[in-house]
C-alpha atoms as a PDB file:
ATOM      1  CA  MET A   1     -15.848  -7.637  14.502  1.00  0.00           C
ATOM      2  CA  LYS A   2     -16.008 -11.337  13.681  1.00  0.00           C
ATOM      3  CA  ASP A   3     -17.150 -10.787  10.081  1.00  0.00           C
ATOM      4  CA  LEU A   4     -14.344 -11.634   7.641  1.00  0.00           C
ATOM      5  CA  LYS A   5     -15.681  -9.078   5.146  1.00  0.00           C
ATOM      6  CA  THR A   6     -15.487  -6.342   7.761  1.00  0.00           C
ATOM      7  CA  TRP A   7     -11.880  -7.241   8.521  1.00  0.00           C
ATOM      8  CA  GLY A   8     -11.061  -7.179   4.811  1.00  0.00           C
ATOM      9  CA  PHE A   9     -12.461  -3.687   4.483  1.00  0.00           C
ATOM     10  CA  LEU A  10     -10.624  -2.385   7.551  1.00  0.00           C
ATOM     11  CA  LEU A  11      -7.332  -3.837   6.316  1.00  0.00           C
ATOM     12  CA  LEU A  12      -7.934  -2.201   2.935  1.00  0.00           C
ATOM     13  CA  ILE A  13      -8.581   1.239   4.447  1.00  0.00           C
ATOM     14  CA  GLY A  14      -5.555   0.915   6.719  1.00  0.00           C
ATOM     15  CA  SER A  15      -3.380  -0.120   3.785  1.00  0.00           C
ATOM     16  CA  LEU A  16      -4.570   2.849   1.733  1.00  0.00           C
ATOM     17  CA  TRP A  17      -3.586   5.117   4.598  1.00  0.00           C
ATOM     18  CA  GLY A  18      -0.240   3.355   4.922  1.00  0.00           C
ATOM     19  CA  PHE A  19       0.349   3.622   1.172  1.00  0.00           C
ATOM     20  CA  SER A  20      -0.138   7.384   1.341  1.00  0.00           C
ATOM     21  CA  GLU A  21       2.233   7.596   4.307  1.00  0.00           C
ATOM     22  CA  VAL A  22       4.961   5.701   2.435  1.00  0.00           C
ATOM     23  CA  PHE A  23       4.789   7.318  -0.984  1.00  0.00           C
ATOM     24  CA  ALA A  24       3.176  10.732  -0.455  1.00  0.00           C
ATOM     25  CA  GLY A  25       5.121  11.040   2.786  1.00  0.00           C
ATOM     26  CA  GLU A  26       8.414  10.251   1.106  1.00  0.00           C
ATOM     27  CA  PHE A  27       7.767  12.962  -1.482  1.00  0.00           C
ATOM     28  CA  LEU A  28       6.658  15.591   1.036  1.00  0.00           C
ATOM     29  CA  TYR A  29       9.557  15.016   3.421  1.00  0.00           C
ATOM     30  CA  SER A  30      12.161  14.763   0.636  1.00  0.00           C
ATOM     31  CA  GLN A  31      10.985  18.130  -0.712  1.00  0.00           C
ATOM     32  CA  ASP A  32      10.970  19.672   2.779  1.00  0.00           C
ATOM     33  CA  VAL A  33       7.327  20.670   2.383  1.00  0.00           C
ATOM     34  CA  PRO A  34       6.303  22.733   5.436  1.00  0.00           C
ATOM     35  CA  LEU A  35       4.023  20.902   7.889  1.00  0.00           C
ATOM     36  CA  ALA A  36       4.179  17.689   5.862  1.00  0.00           C
ATOM     37  CA  SER A  37       2.598  15.758   8.730  1.00  0.00           C
ATOM     38  CA  VAL A  38      -0.516  17.937   8.523  1.00  0.00           C
ATOM     39  CA  TRP A  39      -1.004  17.142   4.830  1.00  0.00           C
ATOM     40  CA  LEU A  40      -0.620  13.437   5.540  1.00  0.00           C
ATOM     41  CA  SER A  41      -2.987  13.682   8.494  1.00  0.00           C
ATOM     42  CA  ALA A  42      -5.654  15.292   6.283  1.00  0.00           C
ATOM     43  CA  PHE A  43      -5.877  12.142   4.156  1.00  0.00           C
ATOM     44  CA  ALA A  44      -5.875  10.001   7.289  1.00  0.00           C
ATOM     45  CA  PHE A  45      -8.797  11.982   8.710  1.00  0.00           C
ATOM     46  CA  PHE A  46     -10.721  11.472   5.483  1.00  0.00           C
ATOM     47  CA  VAL A  47     -10.306   7.682   5.420  1.00  0.00           C
ATOM     48  CA  LEU A  48     -11.060   7.415   9.144  1.00  0.00           C
ATOM     49  CA  GLY A  49     -14.278   9.375   8.642  1.00  0.00           C
ATOM     50  CA  LEU A  50     -15.137   7.283   5.576  1.00  0.00           C
ATOM     51  CA  SER A  51     -14.659   4.035   7.461  1.00  0.00           C
ATOM     52  CA  ARG A  52     -16.887   5.214  10.325  1.00  0.00           C
ATOM     53  CA  GLY A  53     -19.603   6.072   7.843  1.00  0.00           C
ATOM     54  CA  LEU A  54     -19.449   2.540   6.439  1.00  0.00           C
ATOM     55  CA  ILE A  55     -18.604   0.511   9.558  1.00  0.00           C
ATOM     56  CA  ASN A  56     -19.381   2.332  12.781  1.00  0.00           C
ATOM     57  CA  ARG A  57     -17.902  -0.011  15.364  1.00  0.00           C
ATOM     58  CA  PRO A  58     -15.654   0.736  18.358  1.00  0.00           C
ATOM     59  CA  GLY A  59     -12.156  -0.557  17.754  1.00  0.00           C
ATOM     60  CA  SER A  60     -12.361  -0.301  13.960  1.00  0.00           C
ATOM     61  CA  SER A  61     -10.281   2.881  13.747  1.00  0.00           C
ATOM     62  CA  THR A  62      -7.586   1.384  15.966  1.00  0.00           C
ATOM     63  CA  VAL A  63      -7.340  -1.580  13.579  1.00  0.00           C
ATOM     64  CA  ILE A  64      -7.043   0.819  10.645  1.00  0.00           C
ATOM     65  CA  GLY A  65      -4.294   2.835  12.350  1.00  0.00           C
ATOM     66  CA  ALA A  66      -2.377  -0.316  13.301  1.00  0.00           C
ATOM     67  CA  THR A  67      -2.620  -1.579   9.715  1.00  0.00           C
ATOM     68  CA  ALA A  68      -1.356   1.733   8.340  1.00  0.00           C
ATOM     69  CA  ALA A  69       1.598   1.676  10.740  1.00  0.00           C
ATOM     70  CA  LEU A  70       2.371  -1.936   9.820  1.00  0.00           C
ATOM     71  CA  PHE A  71       2.227  -1.090   6.100  1.00  0.00           C
ATOM     72  CA  LYS A  72       4.717   1.734   6.603  1.00  0.00           C
ATOM     73  CA  LEU A  73       6.965  -0.435   8.770  1.00  0.00           C
ATOM     74  CA  ALA A  74       7.029  -3.142   6.087  1.00  0.00           C
ATOM     75  CA  ASN A  75       7.631  -0.827   3.142  1.00  0.00           C
ATOM     76  CA  ALA A  76       9.744   2.100   4.379  1.00  0.00           C
ATOM     77  CA  ALA A  77      12.619   2.869   6.717  1.00  0.00           C
ATOM     78  CA  PRO A  78      11.449   2.406  10.332  1.00  0.00           C
ATOM     79  CA  TYR A  79      11.047   5.974  11.554  1.00  0.00           C
ATOM     80  CA  TRP A  80       9.517   5.089  14.891  1.00  0.00           C
ATOM     81  CA  CYS A  81       8.198   8.575  15.559  1.00  0.00           C
ATOM     82  CA  HIS A  82       6.126   8.429  12.356  1.00  0.00           C
ATOM     83  CA  LEU A  83       4.776   4.993  13.242  1.00  0.00           C
ATOM     84  CA  MET A  84       3.852   6.231  16.710  1.00  0.00           C
ATOM     85  CA  GLY A  85       2.043   9.233  15.223  1.00  0.00           C
ATOM     86  CA  ILE A  86      -0.010   7.006  12.901  1.00  0.00           C
ATOM     87  CA  ALA A  87      -0.993   4.641  15.702  1.00  0.00           C
ATOM     88  CA  PHE A  88      -1.998   7.488  18.027  1.00  0.00           C
ATOM     89  CA  LEU A  89      -4.131   9.101  15.333  1.00  0.00           C
ATOM     90  CA  GLY A  90      -6.149   5.918  14.830  1.00  0.00           C
ATOM     91  CA  LEU A  91      -6.461   5.248  18.555  1.00  0.00           C
ATOM     92  CA  VAL A  92      -7.559   8.752  19.557  1.00  0.00           C
ATOM     93  CA  PHE A  93     -10.063   8.918  16.696  1.00  0.00           C
ATOM     94  CA  ASP A  94     -11.477   5.606  17.860  1.00  0.00           C
ATOM     95  CA  PHE A  95     -12.224   7.035  21.306  1.00  0.00           C
ATOM     96  CA  ALA A  96     -13.665  10.276  19.902  1.00  0.00           C
ATOM     97  CA  ALA A  97     -15.800   8.646  17.218  1.00  0.00           C
ATOM     98  CA  SER A  98     -17.088   5.965  19.598  1.00  0.00           C
ATOM     99  CA  ALA A  99     -18.161   8.711  21.991  1.00  0.00           C
ATOM    100  CA  TRP A 100     -19.821  11.112  19.555  1.00  0.00           C
ATOM    101  CA  ILE A 101     -20.518   9.473  16.186  1.00  0.00           C
ATOM    102  CA  LYS A 102     -23.382   7.010  16.470  1.00  0.00           C
ATOM    103  CA  ARG A 103     -24.656   4.673  13.769  1.00  0.00           C
ATOM    104  CA  GLY A 104     -27.099   6.368  11.402  1.00  0.00           C
ATOM    105  CA  GLN A 105     -26.134   9.846  12.598  1.00  0.00           C
ATOM    106  CA  LYS A 106     -25.931  12.578   9.979  1.00  0.00           C
ATOM    107  CA  PRO A 107     -22.718  14.580   9.483  1.00  0.00           C
ATOM    108  CA  GLY A 108     -22.706  17.644  11.698  1.00  0.00           C
ATOM    109  CA  TRP A 109     -21.106  19.212  14.728  1.00  0.00           C
ATOM    110  CA  LYS A 110     -20.311  15.836  16.312  1.00  0.00           C
ATOM    111  CA  THR A 111     -18.206  14.745  13.338  1.00  0.00           C
ATOM    112  CA  VAL A 112     -16.491  18.141  13.422  1.00  0.00           C
ATOM    113  CA  LEU A 113     -15.868  17.795  17.169  1.00  0.00           C
ATOM    114  CA  SER A 114     -14.526  14.259  16.748  1.00  0.00           C
ATOM    115  CA  GLY A 115     -12.025  15.492  14.190  1.00  0.00           C
ATOM    116  CA  ILE A 116     -10.864  18.443  16.281  1.00  0.00           C
ATOM    117  CA  VAL A 117     -10.466  16.372  19.458  1.00  0.00           C
ATOM    118  CA  THR A 118      -8.555  13.728  17.498  1.00  0.00           C
ATOM    119  CA  ALA A 119      -6.169  16.278  16.028  1.00  0.00           C
ATOM    120  CA  TYR A 120      -5.276  17.933  19.322  1.00  0.00           C
ATOM    121  CA  GLY A 121      -5.373  14.680  21.278  1.00  0.00           C
ATOM    122  CA  SER A 122      -3.114  12.749  18.925  1.00  0.00           C
ATOM    123  CA  TYR A 123      -0.661  15.619  18.421  1.00  0.00           C
ATOM    124  CA  ALA A 124      -0.435  16.266  22.177  1.00  0.00           C
ATOM    125  CA  SER A 125      -0.064  12.621  23.211  1.00  0.00           C
ATOM    126  CA  PHE A 126       2.552  12.018  20.531  1.00  0.00           C
ATOM    127  CA  ALA A 127       4.622  15.074  21.468  1.00  0.00           C
ATOM    128  CA  VAL A 128       4.543  14.368  25.209  1.00  0.00           C
ATOM    129  CA  LEU A 129       5.383  10.673  24.902  1.00  0.00           C
ATOM    130  CA  ILE A 130       8.154  11.020  22.344  1.00  0.00           C
ATOM    131  CA  THR A 131       9.792  13.850  24.319  1.00  0.00           C
ATOM    132  CA  TYR A 132       9.356  12.899  27.949  1.00  0.00           C
ATOM    133  CA  VAL A 133       8.844   9.104  27.852  1.00  0.00           C
ATOM    134  CA  ALA A 134      10.666   7.770  24.776  1.00  0.00           C
ATOM    135  CA  ARG A 135      13.252  10.571  25.152  1.00  0.00           C
ATOM    136  CA  TYR A 136      13.851  10.773  21.378  1.00  0.00           C
ATOM    137  CA  ASP A 137      16.917  12.999  21.079  1.00  0.00           C
ATOM    138  CA  PRO A 138      15.741  15.610  18.503  1.00  0.00           C
ATOM    139  CA  TRP A 139      12.597  16.201  20.571  1.00  0.00           C
ATOM    140  CA  VAL A 140      14.460  16.245  23.872  1.00  0.00           C
ATOM    141  CA  ARG A 141      16.817  18.892  22.487  1.00  0.00           C
ATOM    142  CA  GLY A 142      13.842  20.899  21.240  1.00  0.00           C
ATOM    143  CA  GLY A 143      12.312  20.750  24.691  1.00  0.00           C
ATOM    144  CA  THR A 144       9.006  22.212  25.786  1.00  0.00           C
ATOM    145  CA  ALA A 145       9.122  24.829  23.022  1.00  0.00           C
ATOM    146  CA  ARG A 146       9.050  22.121  20.354  1.00  0.00           C
ATOM    147  CA  VAL A 147       6.269  20.249  22.156  1.00  0.00           C
ATOM    148  CA  LEU A 148       4.104  23.379  22.370  1.00  0.00           C
ATOM    149  CA  ARG A 149       4.816  24.339  18.761  1.00  0.00           C
ATOM    150  CA  HIS A 150       3.813  20.860  17.605  1.00  0.00           C
ATOM    151  CA  ILE A 151       0.543  21.000  19.540  1.00  0.00           C
ATOM    152  CA  LEU A 152      -0.447  24.632  19.066  1.00  0.00           C
ATOM    153  CA  VAL A 153       0.714  25.153  15.472  1.00  0.00           C
ATOM    154  CA  GLY A 154       0.676  21.712  13.887  1.00  0.00           C
ATOM    155  CA  GLY A 155      -2.244  20.548  16.021  1.00  0.00           C
ATOM    156  CA  SER A 156      -4.343  23.623  15.215  1.00  0.00           C
ATOM    157  CA  LEU A 157      -3.787  23.267  11.472  1.00  0.00           C
ATOM    158  CA  ALA A 158      -4.530  19.556  11.720  1.00  0.00           C
ATOM    159  CA  ALA A 159      -7.709  20.368  13.662  1.00  0.00           C
ATOM    160  CA  VAL A 160      -8.964  22.570  10.828  1.00  0.00           C
ATOM    161  CA  ALA A 161      -8.195  19.814   8.323  1.00  0.00           C
ATOM    162  CA  ALA A 162      -9.798  17.205  10.579  1.00  0.00           C
ATOM    163  CA  ALA A 163     -13.021  19.161  11.033  1.00  0.00           C
ATOM    164  CA  ILE A 164     -13.438  19.252   7.256  1.00  0.00           C
ATOM    165  CA  MET A 165     -12.024  15.880   6.197  1.00  0.00           C
ATOM    166  CA  VAL A 166     -13.674  13.730   8.862  1.00  0.00           C
ATOM    167  CA  THR A 167     -17.039  15.252   8.028  1.00  0.00           C
ATOM    168  CA  LEU A 168     -16.548  14.812   4.264  1.00  0.00           C
ATOM    169  CA  GLY A 169     -15.337  11.237   4.682  1.00  0.00           C
ATOM    170  CA  TYR A 170     -18.175  10.351   7.028  1.00  0.00           C
ATOM    171  CA  ALA A 171     -20.754  11.891   4.687  1.00  0.00           C
ATOM    172  CA  LEU A 172     -19.423   9.847   1.768  1.00  0.00           C
ATOM    173  CA  GLY A 173     -19.353   6.712   3.901  1.00  0.00           C
ATOM    174  CA  THR A 174     -22.937   7.031   5.103  1.00  0.00           C
ATOM    175  CA  ARG A 175     -24.167   7.698   1.560  1.00  0.00           C
ATOM    176  CA  SER A 176     -22.329   4.635   0.280  1.00  0.00           C
ATOM    177  CA  GLU A 177     -23.251   2.277   3.121  1.00  0.00           C
ATOM    178  CA  LYS A 178     -26.453   0.895   1.609  1.00  0.00           C
ATOM    179  CA  SER A 179     -24.961   0.202  -1.813  1.00  0.00           C
ATOM    180  CA  VAL A 180     -21.880  -1.429  -0.282  1.00  0.00           C
ATOM    181  CA  SER A 181     -24.034  -3.543   2.044  1.00  0.00           C
ATOM    182  CA  ALA A 182     -26.190  -4.657  -0.881  1.00  0.00           C
ATOM    183  CA  GLU A 183     -23.132  -5.867  -2.772  1.00  0.00           C
ATOM    184  CA  ARG A 184     -21.040  -7.138   0.129  1.00  0.00           C
ATOM    185  CA  GLY A 185     -19.747 -10.129  -1.828  1.00  0.00           C
ATOM    186  CA  TRP A 186     -18.461  -8.034  -4.703  1.00  0.00           C
ATOM    187  CA  ALA A 187     -17.211  -5.343  -2.341  1.00  0.00           C
ATOM    188  CA  PHE A 188     -15.239  -7.943  -0.382  1.00  0.00           C
ATOM    189  CA  ALA A 189     -13.747  -9.423  -3.540  1.00  0.00           C
ATOM    190  CA  GLY A 190     -12.751  -5.968  -4.763  1.00  0.00           C
ATOM    191  CA  SER A 191     -11.261  -5.144  -1.363  1.00  0.00           C
ATOM    192  CA  LEU A 192      -9.051  -8.229  -1.501  1.00  0.00           C
ATOM    193  CA  VAL A 193      -7.834  -7.425  -5.009  1.00  0.00           C
ATOM    194  CA  VAL A 194      -6.924  -3.845  -4.107  1.00  0.00           C
ATOM    195  CA  LEU A 195      -5.414  -4.967  -0.790  1.00  0.00           C
ATOM    196  CA  ILE A 196      -3.105  -7.442  -2.526  1.00  0.00           C
ATOM    197  CA  ALA A 197      -2.208  -4.842  -5.173  1.00  0.00           C
ATOM    198  CA  LEU A 198      -1.290  -2.239  -2.536  1.00  0.00           C
ATOM    199  CA  TRP A 199       0.983  -4.585  -0.598  1.00  0.00           C
ATOM    200  CA  THR A 200       2.575  -5.851  -3.819  1.00  0.00           C
ATOM    201  CA  LEU A 201       3.267  -2.296  -5.002  1.00  0.00           C
ATOM    202  CA  GLY A 202       4.571  -1.408  -1.580  1.00  0.00           C
ATOM    203  CA  ARG A 203       7.099  -4.250  -1.666  1.00  0.00           C
ATOM    204  CA  VAL A 204       8.105  -3.676  -5.295  1.00  0.00           C
ATOM    205  CA  ILE A 205       8.588   0.082  -5.304  1.00  0.00           C
ATOM    206  CA  GLY A 206       8.845   0.851  -1.588  1.00  0.00           C
END
């Protein structure tokens, strides 16, 4: 991924994800909305699918997840468990999409499978690491019951959302790829403008 325009697009997508985590997340958690992480994950699945439809390269989703986590770290209180969850989501999707979603492939069961595997994989890896490796106190006190609830309840709901949102995002991305490629100069310029606007808004109102 040596193309500067590709990097600009990935940073834009990651920042959009991070923006939703900061502002939509703050609203959802402040209102004690049930399963807030699932709602946030649904948007993340959509943008990850969209990016794969436009730029289908291994490593791209990890860059997007890292950017989203960095955006949240820079513009909100550092809740490390949330940052870990964002990073894991991007990383696990990268492995799944690189395995099953090939360039030029139409949306179908492989995009659905990639979403489902990402949901369960990211929820499971997050729960196990934060409980048994990082030893984060609220999770340690919740024990195995909390880990299983997070995977089986939250992960299952996220899997349903992922199956739908990854496929929708990927379908939109593949349909838009040719037009974006034809206007790469304008698309890059627009990406930079929106990228700067997102980070400025994040610093001003975050």
